[in-house]
Amino acid sequence: MPLAVSGRFVAENGVRGPGAVKLIADQVTRAVLGVHLLGPYAPETIWGAAAVLENELTIDDLRQAVDANLRSRQEAAAQADALIDMSVTHYAAWRGALNAGNPLPQLRHAAETQRDEVLARATTVTRREVVTESCRLVNNDSVLEARALEDDSIDLMVTSVPFGNQ
């Protein structure tokens, strides 16, 4: 598969940049036995392969995680579409307000409402969890997740900024 599985790689090289990822798995158990990464940002992506091997994940476990990520991206795209629709509605209202007396109070109210909606979305992370026989994968604010854990209760916690959701 292409190295485009890395959000940072795509952001800086596009989906057709040089690089590849090769997974080696047992045909019967489907357990991942090895991972090869070749290309820019391979060192930044290899930690994910190490986590897969450390937790003895299977190809099916990875498919579950990929499918959950795809659903999350589709939901984010739908939210972006809704934001665009809302912006168009606000713009149309603004254009209409230009023809009605003093538009400043209406414009200020519309801008403040839109600002509040954007800020509310920006500070909210929807928690997602995928549980397999060998591990539990959680997508959430890592600070909030860590606060809820008992001392010495995890083997590995991976956090990512700013391209973890790409």
C-alpha atoms as a PDB file:
ATOM      1  CA  MET A   1       0.000   0.000   0.000  1.00  0.00           C
ATOM      2  CA  PRO A   2       1.231   3.551  -0.512  1.00  0.00           C
ATOM      3  CA  LEU A   3       2.827   5.573   2.267  1.00  0.00           C
ATOM      4  CA  ALA A   4      -0.215   7.840   1.875  1.00  0.00           C
ATOM      5  CA  VAL A   5      -1.564   6.085   4.985  1.00  0.00           C
ATOM      6  CA  SER A   6       0.350   8.819   6.833  1.00  0.00           C
ATOM      7  CA  GLY A   7      -1.576  12.092   7.074  1.00  0.00           C
ATOM      8  CA  ARG A   8       1.627  14.128   7.308  1.00  0.00           C
ATOM      9  CA  PHE A   9       3.040  12.388   4.230  1.00  0.00           C
ATOM     10  CA  VAL A  10      -0.082  13.308   2.239  1.00  0.00           C
ATOM     11  CA  ALA A  11      -0.074  16.886   3.560  1.00  0.00           C
ATOM     12  CA  GLU A  12       3.502  17.465   2.384  1.00  0.00           C
ATOM     13  CA  ASN A  13       3.798  15.156  -0.664  1.00  0.00           C
ATOM     14  CA  GLY A  14       0.265  14.560  -1.946  1.00  0.00           C
ATOM     15  CA  VAL A  15      -1.236  11.124  -2.412  1.00  0.00           C
ATOM     16  CA  ARG A  16       1.156  10.240  -5.221  1.00  0.00           C
ATOM     17  CA  GLY A  17       4.441  10.945  -3.412  1.00  0.00           C
ATOM     18  CA  PRO A  18       7.167   8.264  -3.286  1.00  0.00           C
ATOM     19  CA  GLY A  19       6.920   5.608  -0.597  1.00  0.00           C
ATOM     20  CA  ALA A  20       5.337   2.294   0.300  1.00  0.00           C
ATOM     21  CA  VAL A  21       4.133   0.200   3.233  1.00  0.00           C
ATOM     22  CA  LYS A  22       4.292  -3.598   3.185  1.00  0.00           C
ATOM     23  CA  LEU A  23       2.542  -5.758   5.803  1.00  0.00           C
ATOM     24  CA  ILE A  24       3.647  -9.362   6.272  1.00  0.00           C
ATOM     25  CA  ALA A  25       0.981 -11.596   7.835  1.00  0.00           C
ATOM     26  CA  ASP A  26       0.401 -15.279   8.540  1.00  0.00           C
ATOM     27  CA  GLN A  27      -2.058 -16.692   5.980  1.00  0.00           C
ATOM     28  CA  VAL A  28      -3.859 -18.865   8.525  1.00  0.00           C
ATOM     29  CA  THR A  29      -4.004 -16.740  11.692  1.00  0.00           C
ATOM     30  CA  ARG A  30      -3.818 -13.425   9.788  1.00  0.00           C
ATOM     31  CA  ALA A  31      -1.448 -12.178  12.540  1.00  0.00           C
ATOM     32  CA  VAL A  32       0.829  -9.342  11.423  1.00  0.00           C
ATOM     33  CA  LEU A  33       4.396 -10.651  11.506  1.00  0.00           C
ATOM     34  CA  GLY A  34       6.275  -7.683  10.106  1.00  0.00           C
ATOM     35  CA  VAL A  35       6.028  -4.262   8.526  1.00  0.00           C
ATOM     36  CA  HIS A  36       8.282  -2.535   6.005  1.00  0.00           C
ATOM     37  CA  LEU A  37       8.104   1.240   5.444  1.00  0.00           C
ATOM     38  CA  LEU A  38      10.011   2.983   2.676  1.00  0.00           C
ATOM     39  CA  GLY A  39       9.959   6.707   1.999  1.00  0.00           C
ATOM     40  CA  PRO A  40       9.817  10.119   3.649  1.00  0.00           C
ATOM     41  CA  TYR A  41       8.285  10.126   7.140  1.00  0.00           C
ATOM     42  CA  ALA A  42       8.731   6.368   7.551  1.00  0.00           C
ATOM     43  CA  PRO A  43      10.489   7.044  10.894  1.00  0.00           C
ATOM     44  CA  GLU A  44       7.463   9.056  12.014  1.00  0.00           C
ATOM     45  CA  THR A  45       5.068   6.278  11.026  1.00  0.00           C
ATOM     46  CA  ILE A  46       6.993   3.218  12.234  1.00  0.00           C
ATOM     47  CA  TRP A  47       5.713   3.678  15.809  1.00  0.00           C
ATOM     48  CA  GLY A  48       2.291   2.556  14.553  1.00  0.00           C
ATOM     49  CA  ALA A  49       3.826  -0.616  13.124  1.00  0.00           C
ATOM     50  CA  ALA A  50       5.601  -1.224  16.433  1.00  0.00           C
ATOM     51  CA  ALA A  51       2.278  -0.914  18.271  1.00  0.00           C
ATOM     52  CA  VAL A  52       0.686  -3.418  15.862  1.00  0.00           C
ATOM     53  CA  LEU A  53       3.468  -5.939  16.478  1.00  0.00           C
ATOM     54  CA  GLU A  54       3.633  -5.292  20.233  1.00  0.00           C
ATOM     55  CA  ASN A  55      -0.112  -5.946  20.585  1.00  0.00           C
ATOM     56  CA  GLU A  56      -0.047  -8.953  18.214  1.00  0.00           C
ATOM     57  CA  LEU A  57      -2.797  -7.511  16.035  1.00  0.00           C
ATOM     58  CA  THR A  58      -4.222  -9.284  13.010  1.00  0.00           C
ATOM     59  CA  ILE A  59      -5.116  -7.946   9.586  1.00  0.00           C
ATOM     60  CA  ASP A  60      -8.754  -8.096  10.744  1.00  0.00           C
ATOM     61  CA  ASP A  61      -7.945  -5.907  13.783  1.00  0.00           C
ATOM     62  CA  LEU A  62      -6.344  -3.352  11.465  1.00  0.00           C
ATOM     63  CA  ARG A  63      -9.349  -3.463   9.116  1.00  0.00           C
ATOM     64  CA  GLN A  64     -11.620  -2.691  12.099  1.00  0.00           C
ATOM     65  CA  ALA A  65      -9.493   0.323  13.020  1.00  0.00           C
ATOM     66  CA  VAL A  66      -9.346   1.531   9.398  1.00  0.00           C
ATOM     67  CA  ASP A  67     -13.111   1.167   9.015  1.00  0.00           C
ATOM     68  CA  ALA A  68     -13.715   3.135  12.230  1.00  0.00           C
ATOM     69  CA  ASN A  69     -11.339   5.837  10.982  1.00  0.00           C
ATOM     70  CA  LEU A  70     -13.133   5.965   7.622  1.00  0.00           C
ATOM     71  CA  ARG A  71     -16.499   6.388   9.346  1.00  0.00           C
ATOM     72  CA  SER A  72     -15.014   9.170  11.469  1.00  0.00           C
ATOM     73  CA  ARG A  73     -13.696  10.946   8.357  1.00  0.00           C
ATOM     74  CA  GLN A  74     -17.057  10.603   6.622  1.00  0.00           C
ATOM     75  CA  GLU A  75     -18.777  12.126   9.653  1.00  0.00           C
ATOM     76  CA  ALA A  76     -16.243  14.981   9.671  1.00  0.00           C
ATOM     77  CA  ALA A  77     -16.887  15.568   5.948  1.00  0.00           C
ATOM     78  CA  ALA A  78     -20.634  15.704   6.628  1.00  0.00           C
ATOM     79  CA  GLN A  79     -20.010  18.212   9.421  1.00  0.00           C
ATOM     80  CA  ALA A  80     -17.875  20.306   7.056  1.00  0.00           C
ATOM     81  CA  ASP A  81     -20.681  20.244   4.472  1.00  0.00           C
ATOM     82  CA  ALA A  82     -23.125  21.398   7.143  1.00  0.00           C
ATOM     83  CA  LEU A  83     -20.743  24.214   8.104  1.00  0.00           C
ATOM     84  CA  ILE A  84     -20.515  25.322   4.473  1.00  0.00           C
ATOM     85  CA  ASP A  85     -24.308  25.228   4.144  1.00  0.00           C
ATOM     86  CA  MET A  86     -24.600  27.262   7.346  1.00  0.00           C
ATOM     87  CA  SER A  87     -22.056  29.794   6.048  1.00  0.00           C
ATOM     88  CA  VAL A  88     -23.988  30.166   2.791  1.00  0.00           C
ATOM     89  CA  THR A  89     -27.178  30.732   4.787  1.00  0.00           C
ATOM     90  CA  HIS A  90     -25.447  33.335   6.954  1.00  0.00           C
ATOM     91  CA  TYR A  91     -24.031  35.052   3.872  1.00  0.00           C
ATOM     92  CA  ALA A  92     -27.447  35.168   2.225  1.00  0.00           C
ATOM     93  CA  ALA A  93     -28.914  36.650   5.405  1.00  0.00           C
ATOM     94  CA  TRP A  94     -26.104  39.222   5.497  1.00  0.00           C
ATOM     95  CA  ARG A  95     -26.722  40.203   1.881  1.00  0.00           C
ATOM     96  CA  GLY A  96     -30.426  40.553   2.650  1.00  0.00           C
ATOM     97  CA  ALA A  97     -29.668  42.650   5.742  1.00  0.00           C
ATOM     98  CA  LEU A  98     -27.694  45.122   3.641  1.00  0.00           C
ATOM     99  CA  ASN A  99     -30.969  46.264   2.133  1.00  0.00           C
ATOM    100  CA  ALA A 100     -32.731  46.647   5.495  1.00  0.00           C
ATOM    101  CA  GLY A 101     -32.001  49.826   7.479  1.00  0.00           C
ATOM    102  CA  ASN A 102     -29.109  49.436   9.931  1.00  0.00           C
ATOM    103  CA  PRO A 103     -27.614  45.946   9.374  1.00  0.00           C
ATOM    104  CA  LEU A 104     -24.867  46.147  12.035  1.00  0.00           C
ATOM    105  CA  PRO A 105     -26.792  44.647  14.989  1.00  0.00           C
ATOM    106  CA  GLN A 106     -27.988  41.748  12.828  1.00  0.00           C
ATOM    107  CA  LEU A 107     -24.529  41.181  11.391  1.00  0.00           C
ATOM    108  CA  ARG A 108     -22.911  41.251  14.828  1.00  0.00           C
ATOM    109  CA  HIS A 109     -25.445  38.742  16.160  1.00  0.00           C
ATOM    110  CA  ALA A 110     -24.933  36.447  13.153  1.00  0.00           C
ATOM    111  CA  ALA A 111     -21.134  36.619  13.486  1.00  0.00           C
ATOM    112  CA  GLU A 112     -21.224  35.915  17.226  1.00  0.00           C
ATOM    113  CA  THR A 113     -23.574  32.965  16.723  1.00  0.00           C
ATOM    114  CA  GLN A 114     -21.343  31.504  14.025  1.00  0.00           C
ATOM    115  CA  ARG A 115     -18.221  32.063  16.164  1.00  0.00           C
ATOM    116  CA  ASP A 116     -19.840  30.291  19.124  1.00  0.00           C
ATOM    117  CA  GLU A 117     -20.860  27.331  16.957  1.00  0.00           C
ATOM    118  CA  VAL A 118     -17.363  26.966  15.478  1.00  0.00           C
ATOM    119  CA  LEU A 119     -15.722  27.199  18.922  1.00  0.00           C
ATOM    120  CA  ALA A 120     -18.081  24.589  20.344  1.00  0.00           C
ATOM    121  CA  ARG A 121     -17.172  22.168  17.536  1.00  0.00           C
ATOM    122  CA  ALA A 122     -13.441  22.902  17.788  1.00  0.00           C
ATOM    123  CA  THR A 123     -13.297  22.025  21.482  1.00  0.00           C
ATOM    124  CA  THR A 124     -15.312  18.815  21.243  1.00  0.00           C
ATOM    125  CA  VAL A 125     -13.750  15.441  20.440  1.00  0.00           C
ATOM    126  CA  THR A 126     -16.077  12.515  19.864  1.00  0.00           C
ATOM    127  CA  ARG A 127     -14.726   9.532  21.755  1.00  0.00           C
ATOM    128  CA  ARG A 128     -14.371   6.377  19.671  1.00  0.00           C
ATOM    129  CA  GLU A 129     -13.306   2.972  20.913  1.00  0.00           C
ATOM    130  CA  VAL A 130     -12.452  -0.295  19.112  1.00  0.00           C
ATOM    131  CA  VAL A 131     -11.907  -3.356  21.289  1.00  0.00           C
ATOM    132  CA  THR A 132     -10.296  -6.560  20.022  1.00  0.00           C
ATOM    133  CA  GLU A 133      -9.163  -9.691  21.831  1.00  0.00           C
ATOM    134  CA  SER A 134      -5.661  -8.310  22.222  1.00  0.00           C
ATOM    135  CA  CYS A 135      -6.091  -4.567  22.621  1.00  0.00           C
ATOM    136  CA  ARG A 136      -8.313  -1.527  23.040  1.00  0.00           C
ATOM    137  CA  LEU A 137      -7.881   1.433  20.645  1.00  0.00           C
ATOM    138  CA  VAL A 138      -9.336   4.770  21.749  1.00  0.00           C
ATOM    139  CA  ASN A 139      -9.569   8.008  19.791  1.00  0.00           C
ATOM    140  CA  ASN A 140     -10.139  10.826  22.269  1.00  0.00           C
ATOM    141  CA  ASP A 141      -8.440  13.718  24.001  1.00  0.00           C
ATOM    142  CA  SER A 142      -5.401  11.908  25.460  1.00  0.00           C
ATOM    143  CA  VAL A 143      -5.331  14.119  28.564  1.00  0.00           C
ATOM    144  CA  LEU A 144      -8.917  13.205  29.421  1.00  0.00           C
ATOM    145  CA  GLU A 145      -8.281   9.507  28.714  1.00  0.00           C
ATOM    146  CA  ALA A 146      -5.122   9.447  30.865  1.00  0.00           C
ATOM    147  CA  ARG A 147      -6.906  11.049  33.821  1.00  0.00           C
ATOM    148  CA  ALA A 148      -9.458   8.224  33.825  1.00  0.00           C
ATOM    149  CA  LEU A 149      -6.834   5.446  33.916  1.00  0.00           C
ATOM    150  CA  GLU A 150      -5.514   3.704  37.001  1.00  0.00           C
ATOM    151  CA  ASP A 151      -1.777   3.969  37.676  1.00  0.00           C
ATOM    152  CA  ASP A 152       0.311   1.418  35.698  1.00  0.00           C
ATOM    153  CA  SER A 153      -2.769   0.167  33.824  1.00  0.00           C
ATOM    154  CA  ILE A 154      -1.502   0.457  30.224  1.00  0.00           C
ATOM    155  CA  ASP A 155       1.437  -0.876  28.232  1.00  0.00           C
ATOM    156  CA  LEU A 156       1.514   1.757  25.485  1.00  0.00           C
ATOM    157  CA  MET A 157      -0.189   5.107  24.882  1.00  0.00           C
ATOM    158  CA  VAL A 158       0.341   6.770  21.506  1.00  0.00           C
ATOM    159  CA  THR A 159      -0.636  10.396  20.975  1.00  0.00           C
ATOM    160  CA  SER A 160      -0.389  12.403  17.797  1.00  0.00           C
ATOM    161  CA  VAL A 161      -0.443  16.075  16.814  1.00  0.00           C
ATOM    162  CA  PRO A 162      -1.252  17.796  14.440  1.00  0.00           C
ATOM    163  CA  PHE A 163      -1.812  15.199  11.726  1.00  0.00           C
ATOM    164  CA  GLY A 164      -3.364  12.382  13.762  1.00  0.00           C
ATOM    165  CA  ASN A 165      -6.767  12.832  12.210  1.00  0.00           C
ATOM    166  CA  GLN A 166      -5.651  12.870   8.591  1.00  0.00           C
END
